[in-house]
Amino acid sequence: QSVEFPRGRIHAYQIRTHRPSYINVLLIQSQGSRPPAPCTRCRAGTGGVFPKCRHLPGAFDRACANCKWPDAGNSCSVRDSAWGALRESQLPMPIIGRGFARTAGLSYKPNHPGLGRGGGGGGRG
């Protein structure tokens, strides 16, 4: 699925650094699901780069993408506990290819006010 974010929150140079937390949040946001209730940070609207709280149970510190972006996964209030007792076979598997993650999934949503590429130019790098 496409990754939506408010204009100016994510820049192409950030993704090109290949910082693990930046690449991981793109995987969480594109492959994850919305938890039963958003985490405290997402609910308050503080510090998040994405408009929706998304989580990939069992992966990436078990945190949502908004908490993982600044490497604050341990402080995410959702973690896996919000999903209840999931058996390992029920956890979604992240889709990770070989090599570096691609940024082609970043997209501009013109029908959603305030969302865009975040400056910095194109979505491929």
PDB file of N, CA and C in Angstrom:
ATOM      1  N   GLN A   1       0.837  -1.184   0.000  1.00  0.00           N
ATOM      2  CA  GLN A   1       0.000   0.000   0.000  1.00  0.00           C
ATOM      3  C   GLN A   1       0.879   1.243   0.000  1.00  0.00           C
ATOM      4  N   SER A   2       0.356   2.326  -0.462  1.00  0.00           N
ATOM      5  CA  SER A   2       1.101   3.580  -0.507  1.00  0.00           C
ATOM      6  C   SER A   2       1.327   4.118   0.897  1.00  0.00           C
ATOM      7  N   VAL A   3       2.413   4.849   1.050  1.00  0.00           N
ATOM      8  CA  VAL A   3       2.745   5.468   2.330  1.00  0.00           C
ATOM      9  C   VAL A   3       2.414   6.948   2.236  1.00  0.00           C
ATOM     10  N   GLU A   4       1.467   7.407   3.048  1.00  0.00           N
ATOM     11  CA  GLU A   4       1.062   8.811   3.070  1.00  0.00           C
ATOM     12  C   GLU A   4       1.737   9.514   4.235  1.00  0.00           C
ATOM     13  N   PHE A   5       2.100  10.775   3.990  1.00  0.00           N
ATOM     14  CA  PHE A   5       2.678  11.580   5.068  1.00  0.00           C
ATOM     15  C   PHE A   5       2.468  13.048   4.753  1.00  0.00           C
ATOM     16  N   PRO A   6       2.364  13.890   5.786  1.00  0.00           N
ATOM     17  CA  PRO A   6       2.171  15.325   5.570  1.00  0.00           C
ATOM     18  C   PRO A   6       3.385  15.948   4.882  1.00  0.00           C
ATOM     19  N   ARG A   7       3.115  16.879   3.993  1.00  0.00           N
ATOM     20  CA  ARG A   7       4.172  17.587   3.265  1.00  0.00           C
ATOM     21  C   ARG A   7       5.178  18.182   4.250  1.00  0.00           C
ATOM     22  N   GLY A   8       6.458  17.972   3.978  1.00  0.00           N
ATOM     23  CA  GLY A   8       7.517  18.534   4.796  1.00  0.00           C
ATOM     24  C   GLY A   8       7.964  17.664   5.961  1.00  0.00           C
ATOM     25  N   ARG A   9       7.308  16.532   6.193  1.00  0.00           N
ATOM     26  CA  ARG A   9       7.679  15.672   7.327  1.00  0.00           C
ATOM     27  C   ARG A   9       8.787  14.679   6.985  1.00  0.00           C
ATOM     28  N   ILE A  10       8.825  14.203   5.751  1.00  0.00           N
ATOM     29  CA  ILE A  10       9.863  13.272   5.306  1.00  0.00           C
ATOM     30  C   ILE A  10      10.496  13.857   4.053  1.00  0.00           C
ATOM     31  N   HIS A  11      11.819  13.804   4.001  1.00  0.00           N
ATOM     32  CA  HIS A  11      12.556  14.333   2.852  1.00  0.00           C
ATOM     33  C   HIS A  11      13.360  13.208   2.202  1.00  0.00           C
ATOM     34  N   ALA A  12      13.564  13.310   0.904  1.00  0.00           N
ATOM     35  CA  ALA A  12      14.279  12.275   0.157  1.00  0.00           C
ATOM     36  C   ALA A  12      15.664  12.014   0.739  1.00  0.00           C
ATOM     37  N   TYR A  13      16.366  13.048   1.172  1.00  0.00           N
ATOM     38  CA  TYR A  13      17.715  12.837   1.706  1.00  0.00           C
ATOM     39  C   TYR A  13      17.693  11.945   2.947  1.00  0.00           C
ATOM     40  N   GLN A  14      16.605  11.989   3.728  1.00  0.00           N
ATOM     41  CA  GLN A  14      16.521  11.137   4.917  1.00  0.00           C
ATOM     42  C   GLN A  14      16.473   9.661   4.522  1.00  0.00           C
ATOM     43  N   ILE A  15      15.716   9.359   3.498  1.00  0.00           N
ATOM     44  CA  ILE A  15      15.595   7.979   3.047  1.00  0.00           C
ATOM     45  C   ILE A  15      16.903   7.520   2.412  1.00  0.00           C
ATOM     46  N   ARG A  16      17.560   8.401   1.661  1.00  0.00           N
ATOM     47  CA  ARG A  16      18.830   8.036   1.014  1.00  0.00           C
ATOM     48  C   ARG A  16      19.942   7.732   2.010  1.00  0.00           C
ATOM     49  N   THR A  17      19.815   8.171   3.266  1.00  0.00           N
ATOM     50  CA  THR A  17      20.835   7.846   4.263  1.00  0.00           C
ATOM     51  C   THR A  17      20.791   6.372   4.648  1.00  0.00           C
ATOM     52  N   HIS A  18      19.699   5.699   4.337  1.00  0.00           N
ATOM     53  CA  HIS A  18      19.490   4.289   4.675  1.00  0.00           C
ATOM     54  C   HIS A  18      19.565   4.048   6.182  1.00  0.00           C
ATOM     55  N   ARG A  19      19.230   5.067   6.975  1.00  0.00           N
ATOM     56  CA  ARG A  19      19.184   4.893   8.430  1.00  0.00           C
ATOM     57  C   ARG A  19      18.165   3.792   8.731  1.00  0.00           C
ATOM     58  N   PRO A  20      18.553   2.785   9.492  1.00  0.00           N
ATOM     59  CA  PRO A  20      17.646   1.652   9.720  1.00  0.00           C
ATOM     60  C   PRO A  20      16.258   2.047  10.219  1.00  0.00           C
ATOM     61  N   SER A  21      16.159   3.002  11.129  1.00  0.00           N
ATOM     62  CA  SER A  21      14.827   3.348  11.638  1.00  0.00           C
ATOM     63  C   SER A  21      13.959   3.950  10.534  1.00  0.00           C
ATOM     64  N   TYR A  22      14.550   4.699   9.598  1.00  0.00           N
ATOM     65  CA  TYR A  22      13.771   5.283   8.502  1.00  0.00           C
ATOM     66  C   TYR A  22      13.278   4.192   7.552  1.00  0.00           C
ATOM     67  N   ILE A  23      14.144   3.259   7.202  1.00  0.00           N
ATOM     68  CA  ILE A  23      13.745   2.171   6.312  1.00  0.00           C
ATOM     69  C   ILE A  23      12.700   1.290   6.998  1.00  0.00           C
ATOM     70  N   ASN A  24      12.905   1.005   8.275  1.00  0.00           N
ATOM     71  CA  ASN A  24      11.955   0.168   9.016  1.00  0.00           C
ATOM     72  C   ASN A  24      10.568   0.792   9.089  1.00  0.00           C
ATOM     73  N   VAL A  25      10.481   2.104   9.294  1.00  0.00           N
ATOM     74  CA  VAL A  25       9.153   2.719   9.386  1.00  0.00           C
ATOM     75  C   VAL A  25       8.426   2.665   8.056  1.00  0.00           C
ATOM     76  N   LEU A  26       9.162   2.748   6.953  1.00  0.00           N
ATOM     77  CA  LEU A  26       8.508   2.623   5.650  1.00  0.00           C
ATOM     78  C   LEU A  26       7.946   1.211   5.482  1.00  0.00           C
ATOM     79  N   LEU A  27       8.672   0.218   5.974  1.00  0.00           N
ATOM     80  CA  LEU A  27       8.155  -1.151   5.934  1.00  0.00           C
ATOM     81  C   LEU A  27       6.938  -1.301   6.840  1.00  0.00           C
ATOM     82  N   ILE A  28       7.013  -0.747   8.039  1.00  0.00           N
ATOM     83  CA  ILE A  28       5.875  -0.815   8.967  1.00  0.00           C
ATOM     84  C   ILE A  28       4.664  -0.129   8.354  1.00  0.00           C
ATOM     85  N   GLN A  29       4.860   1.072   7.824  1.00  0.00           N
ATOM     86  CA  GLN A  29       3.745   1.862   7.311  1.00  0.00           C
ATOM     87  C   GLN A  29       3.147   1.239   6.052  1.00  0.00           C
ATOM     88  N   SER A  30       3.979   0.616   5.218  1.00  0.00           N
ATOM     89  CA  SER A  30       3.459   0.047   3.971  1.00  0.00           C
ATOM     90  C   SER A  30       2.918  -1.374   4.141  1.00  0.00           C
ATOM     91  N   GLN A  31       3.440  -2.139   5.089  1.00  0.00           N
ATOM     92  CA  GLN A  31       3.034  -3.533   5.243  1.00  0.00           C
ATOM     93  C   GLN A  31       2.215  -3.804   6.499  1.00  0.00           C
ATOM     94  N   GLY A  32       2.202  -2.858   7.437  1.00  0.00           N
ATOM     95  CA  GLY A  32       1.539  -3.073   8.719  1.00  0.00           C
ATOM     96  C   GLY A  32       0.035  -2.846   8.687  1.00  0.00           C
ATOM     97  N   SER A  33      -0.555  -3.009   9.849  1.00  0.00           N
ATOM     98  CA  SER A  33      -1.998  -2.835  10.030  1.00  0.00           C
ATOM     99  C   SER A  33      -2.252  -1.775  11.087  1.00  0.00           C
ATOM    100  N   ARG A  34      -3.476  -1.266  11.071  1.00  0.00           N
ATOM    101  CA  ARG A  34      -3.855  -0.316  12.119  1.00  0.00           C
ATOM    102  C   ARG A  34      -4.209  -1.105  13.366  1.00  0.00           C
ATOM    103  N   PRO A  35      -3.642  -0.727  14.516  1.00  0.00           N
ATOM    104  CA  PRO A  35      -3.960  -1.445  15.753  1.00  0.00           C
ATOM    105  C   PRO A  35      -5.409  -1.177  16.177  1.00  0.00           C
ATOM    106  N   PRO A  36      -5.942  -1.965  17.101  1.00  0.00           N
ATOM    107  CA  PRO A  36      -7.309  -1.747  17.574  1.00  0.00           C
ATOM    108  C   PRO A  36      -7.540  -0.316  18.061  1.00  0.00           C
ATOM    109  N   ALA A  37      -6.533   0.287  18.667  1.00  0.00           N
ATOM    110  CA  ALA A  37      -6.590   1.691  19.099  1.00  0.00           C
ATOM    111  C   ALA A  37      -5.207   2.287  18.876  1.00  0.00           C
ATOM    112  N   PRO A  38      -5.122   3.551  18.414  1.00  0.00           N
ATOM    113  CA  PRO A  38      -3.809   4.161  18.189  1.00  0.00           C
ATOM    114  C   PRO A  38      -3.022   4.308  19.488  1.00  0.00           C
ATOM    115  N   CYS A  39      -1.702   4.356  19.354  1.00  0.00           N
ATOM    116  CA  CYS A  39      -0.857   4.537  20.535  1.00  0.00           C
ATOM    117  C   CYS A  39      -1.044   5.954  21.088  1.00  0.00           C
ATOM    118  N   THR A  40      -0.522   6.179  22.264  1.00  0.00           N
ATOM    119  CA  THR A  40      -0.663   7.475  22.931  1.00  0.00           C
ATOM    120  C   THR A  40      -0.098   8.607  22.091  1.00  0.00           C
ATOM    121  N   ARG A  41       1.078   8.398  21.502  1.00  0.00           N
ATOM    122  CA  ARG A  41       1.737   9.417  20.680  1.00  0.00           C
ATOM    123  C   ARG A  41       0.882   9.764  19.450  1.00  0.00           C
ATOM    124  N   CYS A  42       0.367   8.749  18.772  1.00  0.00           N
ATOM    125  CA  CYS A  42      -0.468   8.989  17.587  1.00  0.00           C
ATOM    126  C   CYS A  42      -1.798   9.637  17.963  1.00  0.00           C
ATOM    127  N   ARG A  43      -2.388   9.194  19.050  1.00  0.00           N
ATOM    128  CA  ARG A  43      -3.668   9.752  19.494  1.00  0.00           C
ATOM    129  C   ARG A  43      -3.519  11.232  19.833  1.00  0.00           C
ATOM    130  N   ALA A  44      -2.386  11.592  20.447  1.00  0.00           N
ATOM    131  CA  ALA A  44      -2.145  12.989  20.828  1.00  0.00           C
ATOM    132  C   ALA A  44      -1.700  13.839  19.643  1.00  0.00           C
ATOM    133  N   GLY A  45      -1.261  13.180  18.552  1.00  0.00           N
ATOM    134  CA  GLY A  45      -0.802  13.922  17.381  1.00  0.00           C
ATOM    135  C   GLY A  45       0.544  14.596  17.587  1.00  0.00           C
ATOM    136  N   THR A  46       1.373  14.048  18.467  1.00  0.00           N
ATOM    137  CA  THR A  46       2.673  14.653  18.752  1.00  0.00           C
ATOM    138  C   THR A  46       3.806  13.836  18.160  1.00  0.00           C
ATOM    139  N   GLY A  47       4.627  14.492  17.368  1.00  0.00           N
ATOM    140  CA  GLY A  47       5.860  13.886  16.895  1.00  0.00           C
ATOM    141  C   GLY A  47       5.754  12.864  15.790  1.00  0.00           C
ATOM    142  N   GLY A  48       4.583  12.576  15.313  1.00  0.00           N
ATOM    143  CA  GLY A  48       4.458  11.571  14.271  1.00  0.00           C
ATOM    144  C   GLY A  48       4.666  12.136  12.881  1.00  0.00           C
ATOM    145  N   VAL A  49       5.203  11.304  11.995  1.00  0.00           N
ATOM    146  CA  VAL A  49       5.377  11.730  10.613  1.00  0.00           C
ATOM    147  C   VAL A  49       4.276  11.190   9.712  1.00  0.00           C
ATOM    148  N   PHE A  50       3.468  10.279  10.229  1.00  0.00           N
ATOM    149  CA  PHE A  50       2.407   9.679   9.433  1.00  0.00           C
ATOM    150  C   PHE A  50       1.042  10.004  10.033  1.00  0.00           C
ATOM    151  N   PRO A  51       0.005  10.154   9.189  1.00  0.00           N
ATOM    152  CA  PRO A  51      -1.319  10.499   9.707  1.00  0.00           C
ATOM    153  C   PRO A  51      -2.033   9.333  10.388  1.00  0.00           C
ATOM    154  N   LYS A  52      -1.579   8.097  10.143  1.00  0.00           N
ATOM    155  CA  LYS A  52      -2.241   6.929  10.724  1.00  0.00           C
ATOM    156  C   LYS A  52      -1.245   6.110  11.534  1.00  0.00           C
ATOM    157  N   CYS A  53      -1.719   5.585  12.646  1.00  0.00           N
ATOM    158  CA  CYS A  53      -0.919   4.691  13.489  1.00  0.00           C
ATOM    159  C   CYS A  53      -0.945   3.313  12.830  1.00  0.00           C
ATOM    160  N   ARG A  54       0.220   2.830  12.407  1.00  0.00           N
ATOM    161  CA  ARG A  54       0.327   1.504  11.803  1.00  0.00           C
ATOM    162  C   ARG A  54       1.394   0.721  12.550  1.00  0.00           C
ATOM    163  N   HIS A  55       1.198  -0.588  12.627  1.00  0.00           N
ATOM    164  CA  HIS A  55       2.003  -1.453  13.479  1.00  0.00           C
ATOM    165  C   HIS A  55       2.208  -2.781  12.762  1.00  0.00           C
ATOM    166  N   LEU A  56       3.357  -3.370  12.911  1.00  0.00           N
ATOM    167  CA  LEU A  56       3.643  -4.680  12.337  1.00  0.00           C
ATOM    168  C   LEU A  56       3.977  -5.617  13.496  1.00  0.00           C
ATOM    169  N   PRO A  57       2.967  -6.309  14.042  1.00  0.00           N
ATOM    170  CA  PRO A  57       3.177  -7.130  15.234  1.00  0.00           C
ATOM    171  C   PRO A  57       4.347  -8.097  15.079  1.00  0.00           C
ATOM    172  N   GLY A  58       5.167  -8.148  16.122  1.00  0.00           N
ATOM    173  CA  GLY A  58       6.290  -9.069  16.138  1.00  0.00           C
ATOM    174  C   GLY A  58       7.550  -8.572  15.462  1.00  0.00           C
ATOM    175  N   ALA A  59       7.549  -7.354  14.954  1.00  0.00           N
ATOM    176  CA  ALA A  59       8.721  -6.848  14.231  1.00  0.00           C
ATOM    177  C   ALA A  59       9.048  -5.417  14.642  1.00  0.00           C
ATOM    178  N   PHE A  60      10.288  -5.032  14.459  1.00  0.00           N
ATOM    179  CA  PHE A  60      10.745  -3.647  14.638  1.00  0.00           C
ATOM    180  C   PHE A  60      10.401  -3.065  16.010  1.00  0.00           C
ATOM    181  N   ASP A  61      10.875  -3.694  17.031  1.00  0.00           N
ATOM    182  CA  ASP A  61      10.630  -3.265  18.410  1.00  0.00           C
ATOM    183  C   ASP A  61       9.157  -3.326  18.777  1.00  0.00           C
ATOM    184  N   ARG A  62       8.345  -3.921  17.922  1.00  0.00           N
ATOM    185  CA  ARG A  62       6.907  -4.057  18.166  1.00  0.00           C
ATOM    186  C   ARG A  62       6.221  -2.706  18.342  1.00  0.00           C
ATOM    187  N   ALA A  63       6.763  -1.695  17.704  1.00  0.00           N
ATOM    188  CA  ALA A  63       6.240  -0.336  17.843  1.00  0.00           C
ATOM    189  C   ALA A  63       5.577   0.120  16.554  1.00  0.00           C
ATOM    190  N   CYS A  64       4.764   1.173  16.656  1.00  0.00           N
ATOM    191  CA  CYS A  64       4.162   1.757  15.458  1.00  0.00           C
ATOM    192  C   CYS A  64       5.229   2.573  14.719  1.00  0.00           C
ATOM    193  N   ALA A  65       4.941   2.912  13.472  1.00  0.00           N
ATOM    194  CA  ALA A  65       5.905   3.640  12.643  1.00  0.00           C
ATOM    195  C   ALA A  65       6.212   5.028  13.197  1.00  0.00           C
ATOM    196  N   ASN A  66       5.204   5.711  13.745  1.00  0.00           N
ATOM    197  CA  ASN A  66       5.439   7.060  14.276  1.00  0.00           C
ATOM    198  C   ASN A  66       6.384   7.050  15.476  1.00  0.00           C
ATOM    199  N   CYS A  67       6.320   6.022  16.290  1.00  0.00           N
ATOM    200  CA  CYS A  67       7.239   5.924  17.438  1.00  0.00           C
ATOM    201  C   CYS A  67       8.609   5.419  16.992  1.00  0.00           C
ATOM    202  N   LYS A  68       8.639   4.551  15.992  1.00  0.00           N
ATOM    203  CA  LYS A  68       9.905   3.982  15.510  1.00  0.00           C
ATOM    204  C   LYS A  68      10.739   5.010  14.752  1.00  0.00           C
ATOM    205  N   TRP A  69      10.113   5.953  14.046  1.00  0.00           N
ATOM    206  CA  TRP A  69      10.840   6.942  13.240  1.00  0.00           C
ATOM    207  C   TRP A  69      11.960   7.620  14.023  1.00  0.00           C
ATOM    208  N   PRO A  70      11.713   8.141  15.226  1.00  0.00           N
ATOM    209  CA  PRO A  70      12.808   8.776  15.974  1.00  0.00           C
ATOM    210  C   PRO A  70      13.557   7.788  16.886  1.00  0.00           C
ATOM    211  N   ASP A  71      13.489   6.501  16.577  1.00  0.00           N
ATOM    212  CA  ASP A  71      14.110   5.462  17.411  1.00  0.00           C
ATOM    213  C   ASP A  71      13.549   5.441  18.827  1.00  0.00           C
ATOM    214  N   ALA A  72      12.242   5.683  18.959  1.00  0.00           N
ATOM    215  CA  ALA A  72      11.591   5.670  20.274  1.00  0.00           C
ATOM    216  C   ALA A  72      10.618   4.498  20.384  1.00  0.00           C
ATOM    217  N   GLY A  73      10.948   3.386  19.725  1.00  0.00           N
ATOM    218  CA  GLY A  73      10.068   2.228  19.717  1.00  0.00           C
ATOM    219  C   GLY A  73       9.729   1.687  21.090  1.00  0.00           C
ATOM    220  N   ASN A  74      10.673   1.763  22.015  1.00  0.00           N
ATOM    221  CA  ASN A  74      10.420   1.243  23.361  1.00  0.00           C
ATOM    222  C   ASN A  74       9.363   2.035  24.112  1.00  0.00           C
ATOM    223  N   SER A  75       9.109   3.267  23.685  1.00  0.00           N
ATOM    224  CA  SER A  75       8.118   4.089  24.384  1.00  0.00           C
ATOM    225  C   SER A  75       6.728   4.008  23.762  1.00  0.00           C
ATOM    226  N   CYS A  76       6.570   3.224  22.703  1.00  0.00           N
ATOM    227  CA  CYS A  76       5.263   3.101  22.053  1.00  0.00           C
ATOM    228  C   CYS A  76       4.294   2.384  22.987  1.00  0.00           C
ATOM    229  N   SER A  77       3.125   2.967  23.175  1.00  0.00           N
ATOM    230  CA  SER A  77       2.148   2.373  24.089  1.00  0.00           C
ATOM    231  C   SER A  77       1.383   1.215  23.459  1.00  0.00           C
ATOM    232  N   VAL A  78       1.453   1.051  22.144  1.00  0.00           N
ATOM    233  CA  VAL A  78       0.722  -0.028  21.495  1.00  0.00           C
ATOM    234  C   VAL A  78       1.483  -1.338  21.655  1.00  0.00           C
ATOM    235  N   ARG A  79       2.682  -1.395  21.096  1.00  0.00           N
ATOM    236  CA  ARG A  79       3.499  -2.606  21.130  1.00  0.00           C
ATOM    237  C   ARG A  79       2.622  -3.816  20.792  1.00  0.00           C
ATOM    238  N   ASP A  80       3.016  -4.990  21.127  1.00  0.00           N
ATOM    239  CA  ASP A  80       2.211  -6.157  20.773  1.00  0.00           C
ATOM    240  C   ASP A  80       1.067  -6.420  21.735  1.00  0.00           C
ATOM    241  N   SER A  81       1.101  -5.821  22.908  1.00  0.00           N
ATOM    242  CA  SER A  81       0.066  -6.086  23.906  1.00  0.00           C
ATOM    243  C   SER A  81      -1.324  -5.681  23.423  1.00  0.00           C
ATOM    244  N   ALA A  82      -1.413  -4.671  22.562  1.00  0.00           N
ATOM    245  CA  ALA A  82      -2.714  -4.213  22.071  1.00  0.00           C
ATOM    246  C   ALA A  82      -3.379  -5.238  21.164  1.00  0.00           C
ATOM    247  N   TRP A  83      -2.599  -6.123  20.617  1.00  0.00           N
ATOM    248  CA  TRP A  83      -3.134  -7.107  19.687  1.00  0.00           C
ATOM    249  C   TRP A  83      -3.631  -8.363  20.403  1.00  0.00           C
ATOM    250  N   GLY A  84      -3.457  -8.411  21.715  1.00  0.00           N
ATOM    251  CA  GLY A  84      -3.863  -9.597  22.453  1.00  0.00           C
ATOM    252  C   GLY A  84      -2.837 -10.704  22.284  1.00  0.00           C
ATOM    253  N   ALA A  85      -3.199 -11.878  22.665  1.00  0.00           N
ATOM    254  CA  ALA A  85      -2.280 -13.012  22.584  1.00  0.00           C
ATOM    255  C   ALA A  85      -2.335 -13.615  21.184  1.00  0.00           C
ATOM    256  N   LEU A  86      -1.409 -13.237  20.352  1.00  0.00           N
ATOM    257  CA  LEU A  86      -1.339 -13.777  19.002  1.00  0.00           C
ATOM    258  C   LEU A  86      -0.348 -14.933  18.977  1.00  0.00           C
ATOM    259  N   ARG A  87      -0.737 -16.002  18.342  1.00  0.00           N
ATOM    260  CA  ARG A  87       0.218 -17.088  18.134  1.00  0.00           C
ATOM    261  C   ARG A  87       1.194 -16.650  17.054  1.00  0.00           C
ATOM    262  N   GLU A  88       2.388 -17.177  17.087  1.00  0.00           N
ATOM    263  CA  GLU A  88       3.411 -16.784  16.121  1.00  0.00           C
ATOM    264  C   GLU A  88       2.923 -16.964  14.690  1.00  0.00           C
ATOM    265  N   SER A  89       2.137 -17.997  14.429  1.00  0.00           N
ATOM    266  CA  SER A  89       1.641 -18.253  13.081  1.00  0.00           C
ATOM    267  C   SER A  89       0.640 -17.195  12.618  1.00  0.00           C
ATOM    268  N   GLN A  90       0.086 -16.407  13.548  1.00  0.00           N
ATOM    269  CA  GLN A  90      -0.882 -15.380  13.186  1.00  0.00           C
ATOM    270  C   GLN A  90      -0.229 -14.038  12.882  1.00  0.00           C
ATOM    271  N   LEU A  91       1.040 -13.873  13.227  1.00  0.00           N
ATOM    272  CA  LEU A  91       1.697 -12.592  13.010  1.00  0.00           C
ATOM    273  C   LEU A  91       1.945 -12.384  11.524  1.00  0.00           C
ATOM    274  N   PRO A  92       1.656 -11.184  11.000  1.00  0.00           N
ATOM    275  CA  PRO A  92       1.933 -10.928   9.588  1.00  0.00           C
ATOM    276  C   PRO A  92       3.437 -10.920   9.347  1.00  0.00           C
ATOM    277  N   MET A  93       3.851 -11.451   8.225  1.00  0.00           N
ATOM    278  CA  MET A  93       5.266 -11.478   7.881  1.00  0.00           C
ATOM    279  C   MET A  93       5.601 -10.248   7.049  1.00  0.00           C
ATOM    280  N   PRO A  94       6.641  -9.504   7.439  1.00  0.00           N
ATOM    281  CA  PRO A  94       7.038  -8.358   6.638  1.00  0.00           C
ATOM    282  C   PRO A  94       7.584  -8.823   5.296  1.00  0.00           C
ATOM    283  N   ILE A  95       7.321  -8.045   4.267  1.00  0.00           N
ATOM    284  CA  ILE A  95       7.826  -8.356   2.940  1.00  0.00           C
ATOM    285  C   ILE A  95       9.113  -7.569   2.761  1.00  0.00           C
ATOM    286  N   ILE A  96      10.233  -8.273   2.816  1.00  0.00           N
ATOM    287  CA  ILE A  96      11.529  -7.623   2.717  1.00  0.00           C
ATOM    288  C   ILE A  96      12.295  -8.288   1.584  1.00  0.00           C
ATOM    289  N   GLY A  97      12.696  -7.485   0.607  1.00  0.00           N
ATOM    290  CA  GLY A  97      13.451  -8.004  -0.521  1.00  0.00           C
ATOM    291  C   GLY A  97      14.936  -7.985  -0.245  1.00  0.00           C
ATOM    292  N   ARG A  98      15.701  -8.335  -1.234  1.00  0.00           N
ATOM    293  CA  ARG A  98      17.149  -8.320  -1.109  1.00  0.00           C
ATOM    294  C   ARG A  98      17.654  -6.919  -1.400  1.00  0.00           C
ATOM    295  N   GLY A  99      18.723  -6.539  -0.753  1.00  0.00           N
ATOM    296  CA  GLY A  99      19.308  -5.225  -0.980  1.00  0.00           C
ATOM    297  C   GLY A  99      18.581  -4.157  -0.195  1.00  0.00           C
ATOM    298  N   PHE A 100      18.770  -2.919  -0.610  1.00  0.00           N
ATOM    299  CA  PHE A 100      18.170  -1.791   0.097  1.00  0.00           C
ATOM    300  C   PHE A 100      16.697  -1.651  -0.255  1.00  0.00           C
ATOM    301  N   ALA A 101      15.944  -1.134   0.686  1.00  0.00           N
ATOM    302  CA  ALA A 101      14.521  -0.879   0.443  1.00  0.00           C
ATOM    303  C   ALA A 101      14.380   0.223  -0.594  1.00  0.00           C
ATOM    304  N   ARG A 102      13.365   0.136  -1.411  1.00  0.00           N
ATOM    305  CA  ARG A 102      13.128   1.162  -2.421  1.00  0.00           C
ATOM    306  C   ARG A 102      12.116   2.154  -1.891  1.00  0.00           C
ATOM    307  N   THR A 103      12.198   3.381  -2.363  1.00  0.00           N
ATOM    308  CA  THR A 103      11.280   4.417  -1.902  1.00  0.00           C
ATOM    309  C   THR A 103      10.165   4.676  -2.898  1.00  0.00           C
ATOM    310  N   ALA A 104      10.026   3.837  -3.909  1.00  0.00           N
ATOM    311  CA  ALA A 104       9.023   4.068  -4.941  1.00  0.00           C
ATOM    312  C   ALA A 104       7.607   4.048  -4.387  1.00  0.00           C
ATOM    313  N   GLY A 105       7.374   3.440  -3.229  1.00  0.00           N
ATOM    314  CA  GLY A 105       6.041   3.380  -2.652  1.00  0.00           C
ATOM    315  C   GLY A 105       5.571   4.688  -2.045  1.00  0.00           C
ATOM    316  N   LEU A 106       6.476   5.663  -1.905  1.00  0.00           N
ATOM    317  CA  LEU A 106       6.073   6.961  -1.372  1.00  0.00           C
ATOM    318  C   LEU A 106       5.244   7.658  -2.429  1.00  0.00           C
ATOM    319  N   SER A 107       4.093   8.143  -2.068  1.00  0.00           N
ATOM    320  CA  SER A 107       3.237   8.720  -3.091  1.00  0.00           C
ATOM    321  C   SER A 107       2.513   9.960  -2.604  1.00  0.00           C
ATOM    322  N   TYR A 108       2.149  10.772  -3.560  1.00  0.00           N
ATOM    323  CA  TYR A 108       1.399  11.991  -3.316  1.00  0.00           C
ATOM    324  C   TYR A 108      -0.072  11.669  -3.470  1.00  0.00           C
ATOM    325  N   LYS A 109      -0.867  12.070  -2.500  1.00  0.00           N
ATOM    326  CA  LYS A 109      -2.310  11.835  -2.542  1.00  0.00           C
ATOM    327  C   LYS A 109      -3.019  13.182  -2.691  1.00  0.00           C
ATOM    328  N   PRO A 110      -3.306  13.620  -3.937  1.00  0.00           N
ATOM    329  CA  PRO A 110      -3.885  14.947  -4.135  1.00  0.00           C
ATOM    330  C   PRO A 110      -5.264  15.121  -3.529  1.00  0.00           C
ATOM    331  N   ASN A 111      -6.016  14.050  -3.330  1.00  0.00           N
ATOM    332  CA  ASN A 111      -7.357  14.183  -2.766  1.00  0.00           C
ATOM    333  C   ASN A 111      -7.338  14.208  -1.242  1.00  0.00           C
ATOM    334  N   HIS A 112      -6.159  14.166  -0.635  1.00  0.00           N
ATOM    335  CA  HIS A 112      -6.043  14.203   0.822  1.00  0.00           C
ATOM    336  C   HIS A 112      -5.274  15.463   1.186  1.00  0.00           C
ATOM    337  N   PRO A 113      -5.948  16.494   1.746  1.00  0.00           N
ATOM    338  CA  PRO A 113      -5.293  17.769   2.011  1.00  0.00           C
ATOM    339  C   PRO A 113      -4.090  17.632   2.941  1.00  0.00           C
ATOM    340  N   GLY A 114      -3.015  18.328   2.575  1.00  0.00           N
ATOM    341  CA  GLY A 114      -1.839  18.389   3.428  1.00  0.00           C
ATOM    342  C   GLY A 114      -0.875  17.233   3.272  1.00  0.00           C
ATOM    343  N   LEU A 115      -1.178  16.287   2.381  1.00  0.00           N
ATOM    344  CA  LEU A 115      -0.275  15.164   2.206  1.00  0.00           C
ATOM    345  C   LEU A 115       0.525  15.347   0.934  1.00  0.00           C
ATOM    346  N   GLY A 116       1.756  14.878   0.943  1.00  0.00           N
ATOM    347  CA  GLY A 116       2.581  14.995  -0.250  1.00  0.00           C
ATOM    348  C   GLY A 116       3.914  14.314  -0.077  1.00  0.00           C
ATOM    349  N   ARG A 117       4.793  14.589  -1.019  1.00  0.00           N
ATOM    350  CA  ARG A 117       6.101  13.953  -1.017  1.00  0.00           C
ATOM    351  C   ARG A 117       6.998  14.474   0.082  1.00  0.00           C
ATOM    352  N   GLY A 118       6.710  15.597   0.658  1.00  0.00           N
ATOM    353  CA  GLY A 118       7.535  16.106   1.736  1.00  0.00           C
ATOM    354  C   GLY A 118       8.722  16.893   1.249  1.00  0.00           C
ATOM    355  N   GLY A 119       8.681  17.378   0.019  1.00  0.00           N
ATOM    356  CA  GLY A 119       9.791  18.170  -0.501  1.00  0.00           C
ATOM    357  C   GLY A 119      10.956  17.291  -0.862  1.00  0.00           C
ATOM    358  N   GLY A 120      11.996  17.899  -1.358  1.00  0.00           N
ATOM    359  CA  GLY A 120      13.199  17.165  -1.666  1.00  0.00           C
ATOM    360  C   GLY A 120      13.172  16.445  -2.989  1.00  0.00           C
ATOM    361  N   GLY A 121      12.108  16.571  -3.773  1.00  0.00           N
ATOM    362  CA  GLY A 121      12.133  16.040  -5.118  1.00  0.00           C
ATOM    363  C   GLY A 121      11.475  14.689  -5.250  1.00  0.00           C
ATOM    364  N   GLY A 122      12.028  13.895  -6.182  1.00  0.00           N
ATOM    365  CA  GLY A 122      11.405  12.661  -6.610  1.00  0.00           C
ATOM    366  C   GLY A 122      11.355  11.576  -5.568  1.00  0.00           C
ATOM    367  N   GLY A 123      10.580  10.541  -5.894  1.00  0.00           N
ATOM    368  CA  GLY A 123      10.388   9.451  -4.970  1.00  0.00           C
ATOM    369  C   GLY A 123      11.298   8.263  -5.213  1.00  0.00           C
ATOM    370  N   ARG A 124      12.160   8.319  -6.241  1.00  0.00           N
ATOM    371  CA  ARG A 124      13.078   7.201  -6.500  1.00  0.00           C
ATOM    372  C   ARG A 124      14.492   7.649  -6.203  1.00  0.00           C
ATOM    373  N   GLY A 125      15.281   6.753  -5.666  1.00  0.00           N
ATOM    374  CA  GLY A 125      16.633   7.153  -5.360  1.00  0.00           C
ATOM    375  C   GLY A 125      17.601   6.068  -5.233  1.00  0.00           C
TER     376      GLY A 125
END
